[in-house]
Structures are given as C-alpha cells and as structure tokens.
Amino acid sequence: MSKSPQDETFGAAPHERPVPRISIHAFCEQPDTGAVLQRAGADRRLAKAHLTVQLGGIAMEPITQ
C-alpha cells in the first residue's frame, strides 16, 4: 500500500512540512541575498514552489511633479 503525500506530512513538525505549489519572486539588491535565496530554494521542502530570484532590486520610475 503506497502512502499519499498527505500521509507523509501528517504529524510532521511545522518546520519539516513542504511548501505548497506557490510562486516566490524575490528582488534582491545584494548578490549575497540572492545566493542565500537560491540555496534555500534547493531545499526539498520547496520542491513544489517556483522560485525566481531577480538581482538588482525592483526597477522604479522617477517620480515627477
């Protein structure tokens, strides 16, 4: 009898449960921050999540008045 994915996570500690199918978009100003996020994205608990790391921060248009 095979276990369902729900059976495998039932009763697991909160820090051991996998993340559901979500998209994570990270905008990083520092390369070190991007590297940390890439390493975190390689964790087995994030296997179903889609991670995009964009270096350089969020592009913003200058405010004119």
PDB file of N, CA and C in Angstrom:
ATOM      1  N   MET A   1       0.847  -1.183   0.000  1.00  0.00           N
ATOM      2  CA  MET A   1       0.000   0.000   0.000  1.00  0.00           C
ATOM      3  C   MET A   1       0.886   1.237   0.000  1.00  0.00           C
ATOM      4  N   SER A   2       0.712   2.123  -0.965  1.00  0.00           N
ATOM      5  CA  SER A   2       1.554   3.311  -1.048  1.00  0.00           C
ATOM      6  C   SER A   2       0.964   4.438  -0.206  1.00  0.00           C
ATOM      7  N   LYS A   3       1.867   5.276   0.271  1.00  0.00           N
ATOM      8  CA  LYS A   3       1.445   6.424   1.081  1.00  0.00           C
ATOM      9  C   LYS A   3       1.143   7.600   0.170  1.00  0.00           C
ATOM     10  N   SER A   4       0.124   8.347   0.511  1.00  0.00           N
ATOM     11  CA  SER A   4      -0.171   9.565  -0.233  1.00  0.00           C
ATOM     12  C   SER A   4       0.706  10.679   0.323  1.00  0.00           C
ATOM     13  N   PRO A   5       0.927  11.759  -0.452  1.00  0.00           N
ATOM     14  CA  PRO A   5       1.733  12.879   0.051  1.00  0.00           C
ATOM     15  C   PRO A   5       1.177  13.457   1.344  1.00  0.00           C
ATOM     16  N   GLN A   6      -0.141  13.387   1.501  1.00  0.00           N
ATOM     17  CA  GLN A   6      -0.757  13.913   2.716  1.00  0.00           C
ATOM     18  C   GLN A   6      -0.359  13.066   3.921  1.00  0.00           C
ATOM     19  N   ASP A   7      -0.269  11.743   3.744  1.00  0.00           N
ATOM     20  CA  ASP A   7       0.131  10.860   4.833  1.00  0.00           C
ATOM     21  C   ASP A   7       1.573  11.111   5.259  1.00  0.00           C
ATOM     22  N   GLU A   8       2.428  11.454   4.308  1.00  0.00           N
ATOM     23  CA  GLU A   8       3.841  11.673   4.610  1.00  0.00           C
ATOM     24  C   GLU A   8       4.057  12.914   5.457  1.00  0.00           C
ATOM     25  N   THR A   9       3.205  13.920   5.338  1.00  0.00           N
ATOM     26  CA  THR A   9       3.405  15.164   6.074  1.00  0.00           C
ATOM     27  C   THR A   9       2.548  15.256   7.323  1.00  0.00           C
ATOM     28  N   PHE A  10       1.586  14.345   7.476  1.00  0.00           N
ATOM     29  CA  PHE A  10       0.720  14.386   8.641  1.00  0.00           C
ATOM     30  C   PHE A  10       1.542  14.164   9.894  1.00  0.00           C
ATOM     31  N   GLY A  11       1.402  15.053  10.846  1.00  0.00           N
ATOM     32  CA  GLY A  11       2.110  14.926  12.108  1.00  0.00           C
ATOM     33  C   GLY A  11       3.533  15.449  12.074  1.00  0.00           C
ATOM     34  N   ALA A  12       3.993  15.927  10.930  1.00  0.00           N
ATOM     35  CA  ALA A  12       5.353  16.477  10.838  1.00  0.00           C
ATOM     36  C   ALA A  12       5.394  17.826  11.546  1.00  0.00           C
ATOM     37  N   ALA A  13       6.552  18.139  12.092  1.00  0.00           N
ATOM     38  CA  ALA A  13       6.732  19.438  12.746  1.00  0.00           C
ATOM     39  C   ALA A  13       6.572  20.538  11.696  1.00  0.00           C
ATOM     40  N   PRO A  14       6.103  21.723  12.104  1.00  0.00           N
ATOM     41  CA  PRO A  14       5.874  22.811  11.129  1.00  0.00           C
ATOM     42  C   PRO A  14       7.100  23.135  10.280  1.00  0.00           C
ATOM     43  N   HIS A  15       8.302  23.059  10.844  1.00  0.00           N
ATOM     44  CA  HIS A  15       9.500  23.384  10.072  1.00  0.00           C
ATOM     45  C   HIS A  15       9.912  22.264   9.123  1.00  0.00           C
ATOM     46  N   GLU A  16       9.229  21.116   9.165  1.00  0.00           N
ATOM     47  CA  GLU A  16       9.533  19.996   8.280  1.00  0.00           C
ATOM     48  C   GLU A  16       8.503  19.806   7.171  1.00  0.00           C
ATOM     49  N   ARG A  17       7.422  20.545   7.204  1.00  0.00           N
ATOM     50  CA  ARG A  17       6.354  20.388   6.207  1.00  0.00           C
ATOM     51  C   ARG A  17       6.757  21.054   4.896  1.00  0.00           C
ATOM     52  N   PRO A  18       6.391  20.442   3.765  1.00  0.00           N
ATOM     53  CA  PRO A  18       6.714  21.071   2.479  1.00  0.00           C
ATOM     54  C   PRO A  18       5.822  22.275   2.206  1.00  0.00           C
ATOM     55  N   VAL A  19       6.344  23.179   1.406  1.00  0.00           N
ATOM     56  CA  VAL A  19       5.606  24.370   0.997  1.00  0.00           C
ATOM     57  C   VAL A  19       4.681  23.966  -0.150  1.00  0.00           C
ATOM     58  N   PRO A  20       3.440  24.480  -0.190  1.00  0.00           N
ATOM     59  CA  PRO A  20       2.533  24.116  -1.290  1.00  0.00           C
ATOM     60  C   PRO A  20       3.004  24.718  -2.614  1.00  0.00           C
ATOM     61  N   ARG A  21       2.277  24.423  -3.679  1.00  0.00           N
ATOM     62  CA  ARG A  21       2.620  24.958  -5.005  1.00  0.00           C
ATOM     63  C   ARG A  21       2.341  26.459  -5.031  1.00  0.00           C
ATOM     64  N   ILE A  22       3.395  27.229  -4.837  1.00  0.00           N
ATOM     65  CA  ILE A  22       3.302  28.684  -4.864  1.00  0.00           C
ATOM     66  C   ILE A  22       4.431  29.229  -5.726  1.00  0.00           C
ATOM     67  N   SER A  23       4.315  30.489  -6.122  1.00  0.00           N
ATOM     68  CA  SER A  23       5.393  31.183  -6.829  1.00  0.00           C
ATOM     69  C   SER A  23       5.997  32.208  -5.892  1.00  0.00           C
ATOM     70  N   ILE A  24       7.315  32.219  -5.821  1.00  0.00           N
ATOM     71  CA  ILE A  24       8.039  33.172  -4.980  1.00  0.00           C
ATOM     72  C   ILE A  24       8.907  34.009  -5.908  1.00  0.00           C
ATOM     73  N   HIS A  25       8.722  35.315  -5.883  1.00  0.00           N
ATOM     74  CA  HIS A  25       9.522  36.240  -6.685  1.00  0.00           C
ATOM     75  C   HIS A  25      10.306  37.115  -5.720  1.00  0.00           C
ATOM     76  N   ALA A  26      11.626  37.018  -5.774  1.00  0.00           N
ATOM     77  CA  ALA A  26      12.483  37.787  -4.875  1.00  0.00           C
ATOM     78  C   ALA A  26      13.298  38.786  -5.692  1.00  0.00           C
ATOM     79  N   PHE A  27      13.279  40.032  -5.279  1.00  0.00           N
ATOM     80  CA  PHE A  27      14.049  41.091  -5.918  1.00  0.00           C
ATOM     81  C   PHE A  27      15.126  41.515  -4.933  1.00  0.00           C
ATOM     82  N   CYS A  28      16.383  41.195  -5.249  1.00  0.00           N
ATOM     83  CA  CYS A  28      17.484  41.387  -4.301  1.00  0.00           C
ATOM     84  C   CYS A  28      18.442  42.477  -4.784  1.00  0.00           C
ATOM     85  N   GLU A  29      18.798  43.366  -3.884  1.00  0.00           N
ATOM     86  CA  GLU A  29      19.775  44.397  -4.215  1.00  0.00           C
ATOM     87  C   GLU A  29      21.199  43.893  -4.036  1.00  0.00           C
ATOM     88  N   GLN A  30      21.408  42.921  -3.168  1.00  0.00           N
ATOM     89  CA  GLN A  30      22.740  42.390  -2.892  1.00  0.00           C
ATOM     90  C   GLN A  30      22.872  40.972  -3.446  1.00  0.00           C
ATOM     91  N   PRO A  31      23.975  40.659  -4.114  1.00  0.00           N
ATOM     92  CA  PRO A  31      24.179  39.300  -4.637  1.00  0.00           C
ATOM     93  C   PRO A  31      24.185  38.235  -3.538  1.00  0.00           C
ATOM     94  N   ASP A  32      24.665  38.593  -2.350  1.00  0.00           N
ATOM     95  CA  ASP A  32      24.681  37.626  -1.245  1.00  0.00           C
ATOM     96  C   ASP A  32      23.263  37.194  -0.868  1.00  0.00           C
ATOM     97  N   THR A  33      22.337  38.129  -0.896  1.00  0.00           N
ATOM     98  CA  THR A  33      20.945  37.810  -0.577  1.00  0.00           C
ATOM     99  C   THR A  33      20.374  36.857  -1.627  1.00  0.00           C
ATOM    100  N   GLY A  34      20.676  37.109  -2.885  1.00  0.00           N
ATOM    101  CA  GLY A  34      20.217  36.229  -3.950  1.00  0.00           C
ATOM    102  C   GLY A  34      20.787  34.823  -3.816  1.00  0.00           C
ATOM    103  N   ALA A  35      22.058  34.728  -3.416  1.00  0.00           N
ATOM    104  CA  ALA A  35      22.690  33.419  -3.232  1.00  0.00           C
ATOM    105  C   ALA A  35      22.030  32.641  -2.100  1.00  0.00           C
ATOM    106  N   VAL A  36      21.692  33.328  -1.013  1.00  0.00           N
ATOM    107  CA  VAL A  36      21.019  32.678   0.115  1.00  0.00           C
ATOM    108  C   VAL A  36      19.647  32.160  -0.319  1.00  0.00           C
ATOM    109  N   LEU A  37      18.918  32.953  -1.087  1.00  0.00           N
ATOM    110  CA  LEU A  37      17.598  32.530  -1.562  1.00  0.00           C
ATOM    111  C   LEU A  37      17.701  31.345  -2.516  1.00  0.00           C
ATOM    112  N   GLN A  38      18.717  31.333  -3.367  1.00  0.00           N
ATOM    113  CA  GLN A  38      18.904  30.188  -4.267  1.00  0.00           C
ATOM    114  C   GLN A  38      19.199  28.918  -3.483  1.00  0.00           C
ATOM    115  N   ARG A  39      20.030  29.023  -2.434  1.00  0.00           N
ATOM    116  CA  ARG A  39      20.312  27.856  -1.597  1.00  0.00           C
ATOM    117  C   ARG A  39      19.050  27.394  -0.875  1.00  0.00           C
ATOM    118  N   ALA A  40      18.257  28.340  -0.389  1.00  0.00           N
ATOM    119  CA  ALA A  40      17.001  27.972   0.284  1.00  0.00           C
ATOM    120  C   ALA A  40      16.051  27.305  -0.711  1.00  0.00           C
ATOM    121  N   GLY A  41      16.039  27.769  -1.951  1.00  0.00           N
ATOM    122  CA  GLY A  41      15.168  27.196  -2.967  1.00  0.00           C
ATOM    123  C   GLY A  41      15.528  25.763  -3.331  1.00  0.00           C
ATOM    124  N   ALA A  42      16.762  25.360  -3.047  1.00  0.00           N
ATOM    125  CA  ALA A  42      17.195  23.997  -3.330  1.00  0.00           C
ATOM    126  C   ALA A  42      16.740  23.013  -2.247  1.00  0.00           C
ATOM    127  N   ASP A  43      16.175  23.527  -1.159  1.00  0.00           N
ATOM    128  CA  ASP A  43      15.701  22.679  -0.066  1.00  0.00           C
ATOM    129  C   ASP A  43      14.554  21.800  -0.547  1.00  0.00           C
ATOM    130  N   ARG A  44      14.523  20.557  -0.118  1.00  0.00           N
ATOM    131  CA  ARG A  44      13.500  19.601  -0.553  1.00  0.00           C
ATOM    132  C   ARG A  44      12.096  20.051  -0.183  1.00  0.00           C
ATOM    133  N   ARG A  45      11.953  20.863   0.863  1.00  0.00           N
ATOM    134  CA  ARG A  45      10.623  21.324   1.271  1.00  0.00           C
ATOM    135  C   ARG A  45      10.045  22.339   0.294  1.00  0.00           C
ATOM    136  N   LEU A  46      10.898  22.920  -0.544  1.00  0.00           N
ATOM    137  CA  LEU A  46      10.434  23.880  -1.552  1.00  0.00           C
ATOM    138  C   LEU A  46      10.354  23.252  -2.942  1.00  0.00           C
ATOM    139  N   ALA A  47      10.304  21.938  -3.005  1.00  0.00           N
ATOM    140  CA  ALA A  47      10.305  21.237  -4.289  1.00  0.00           C
ATOM    141  C   ALA A  47       9.121  21.632  -5.177  1.00  0.00           C
ATOM    142  N   LYS A  48       7.969  21.912  -4.599  1.00  0.00           N
ATOM    143  CA  LYS A  48       6.780  22.262  -5.385  1.00  0.00           C
ATOM    144  C   LYS A  48       6.684  23.761  -5.672  1.00  0.00           C
ATOM    145  N   ALA A  49       7.458  24.566  -4.970  1.00  0.00           N
ATOM    146  CA  ALA A  49       7.400  26.017  -5.147  1.00  0.00           C
ATOM    147  C   ALA A  49       8.229  26.434  -6.359  1.00  0.00           C
ATOM    148  N   HIS A  50       7.809  27.488  -7.019  1.00  0.00           N
ATOM    149  CA  HIS A  50       8.547  28.060  -8.147  1.00  0.00           C
ATOM    150  C   HIS A  50       9.225  29.324  -7.640  1.00  0.00           C
ATOM    151  N   LEU A  51      10.558  29.342  -7.640  1.00  0.00           N
ATOM    152  CA  LEU A  51      11.332  30.457  -7.094  1.00  0.00           C
ATOM    153  C   LEU A  51      12.029  31.212  -8.216  1.00  0.00           C
ATOM    154  N   THR A  52      11.833  32.521  -8.263  1.00  0.00           N
ATOM    155  CA  THR A  52      12.521  33.389  -9.209  1.00  0.00           C
ATOM    156  C   THR A  52      13.274  34.440  -8.413  1.00  0.00           C
ATOM    157  N   VAL A  53      14.593  34.507  -8.621  1.00  0.00           N
ATOM    158  CA  VAL A  53      15.425  35.494  -7.934  1.00  0.00           C
ATOM    159  C   VAL A  53      15.924  36.483  -8.972  1.00  0.00           C
ATOM    160  N   GLN A  54      15.593  37.747  -8.779  1.00  0.00           N
ATOM    161  CA  GLN A  54      15.995  38.821  -9.685  1.00  0.00           C
ATOM    162  C   GLN A  54      16.977  39.722  -8.958  1.00  0.00           C
ATOM    163  N   LEU A  55      18.206  39.793  -9.461  1.00  0.00           N
ATOM    164  CA  LEU A  55      19.199  40.669  -8.842  1.00  0.00           C
ATOM    165  C   LEU A  55      19.016  42.091  -9.342  1.00  0.00           C
ATOM    166  N   GLY A  56      19.324  43.051  -8.498  1.00  0.00           N
ATOM    167  CA  GLY A  56      19.234  44.454  -8.879  1.00  0.00           C
ATOM    168  C   GLY A  56      18.053  45.176  -8.270  1.00  0.00           C
ATOM    169  N   GLY A  57      17.233  44.514  -7.507  1.00  0.00           N
ATOM    170  CA  GLY A  57      16.092  45.147  -6.871  1.00  0.00           C
ATOM    171  C   GLY A  57      14.948  45.367  -7.845  1.00  0.00           C
ATOM    172  N   ILE A  58      13.974  46.124  -7.409  1.00  0.00           N
ATOM    173  CA  ILE A  58      12.792  46.411  -8.223  1.00  0.00           C
ATOM    174  C   ILE A  58      13.053  47.698  -8.997  1.00  0.00           C
ATOM    175  N   ALA A  59      12.846  47.668 -10.301  1.00  0.00           N
ATOM    176  CA  ALA A  59      13.025  48.859 -11.122  1.00  0.00           C
ATOM    177  C   ALA A  59      11.908  49.849 -10.828  1.00  0.00           C
ATOM    178  N   MET A  60      12.279  51.086 -10.562  1.00  0.00           N
ATOM    179  CA  MET A  60      11.293  52.111 -10.257  1.00  0.00           C
ATOM    180  C   MET A  60      11.495  53.301 -11.180  1.00  0.00           C
ATOM    181  N   GLU A  61      10.403  53.897 -11.594  1.00  0.00           N
ATOM    182  CA  GLU A  61      10.463  55.089 -12.423  1.00  0.00           C
ATOM    183  C   GLU A  61      10.583  56.312 -11.506  1.00  0.00           C
ATOM    184  N   PRO A  62      11.339  57.305 -11.925  1.00  0.00           N
ATOM    185  CA  PRO A  62      11.459  58.520 -11.093  1.00  0.00           C
ATOM    186  C   PRO A  62      10.105  59.222 -10.959  1.00  0.00           C
ATOM    187  N   ILE A  63       9.862  59.769  -9.806  1.00  0.00           N
ATOM    188  CA  ILE A  63       8.618  60.491  -9.544  1.00  0.00           C
ATOM    189  C   ILE A  63       8.798  61.937 -10.005  1.00  0.00           C
ATOM    190  N   THR A  64       7.920  62.381 -10.879  1.00  0.00           N
ATOM    191  CA  THR A  64       7.961  63.775 -11.365  1.00  0.00           C
ATOM    192  C   THR A  64       6.695  64.482 -10.925  1.00  0.00           C
ATOM    193  N   GLN A  65       6.860  65.725 -10.574  1.00  0.00           N
ATOM    194  CA  GLN A  65       5.688  66.503 -10.141  1.00  0.00           C
ATOM    195  C   GLN A  65       5.507  67.709 -10.993  1.00  0.00           C
TER     196      GLN A  65
END
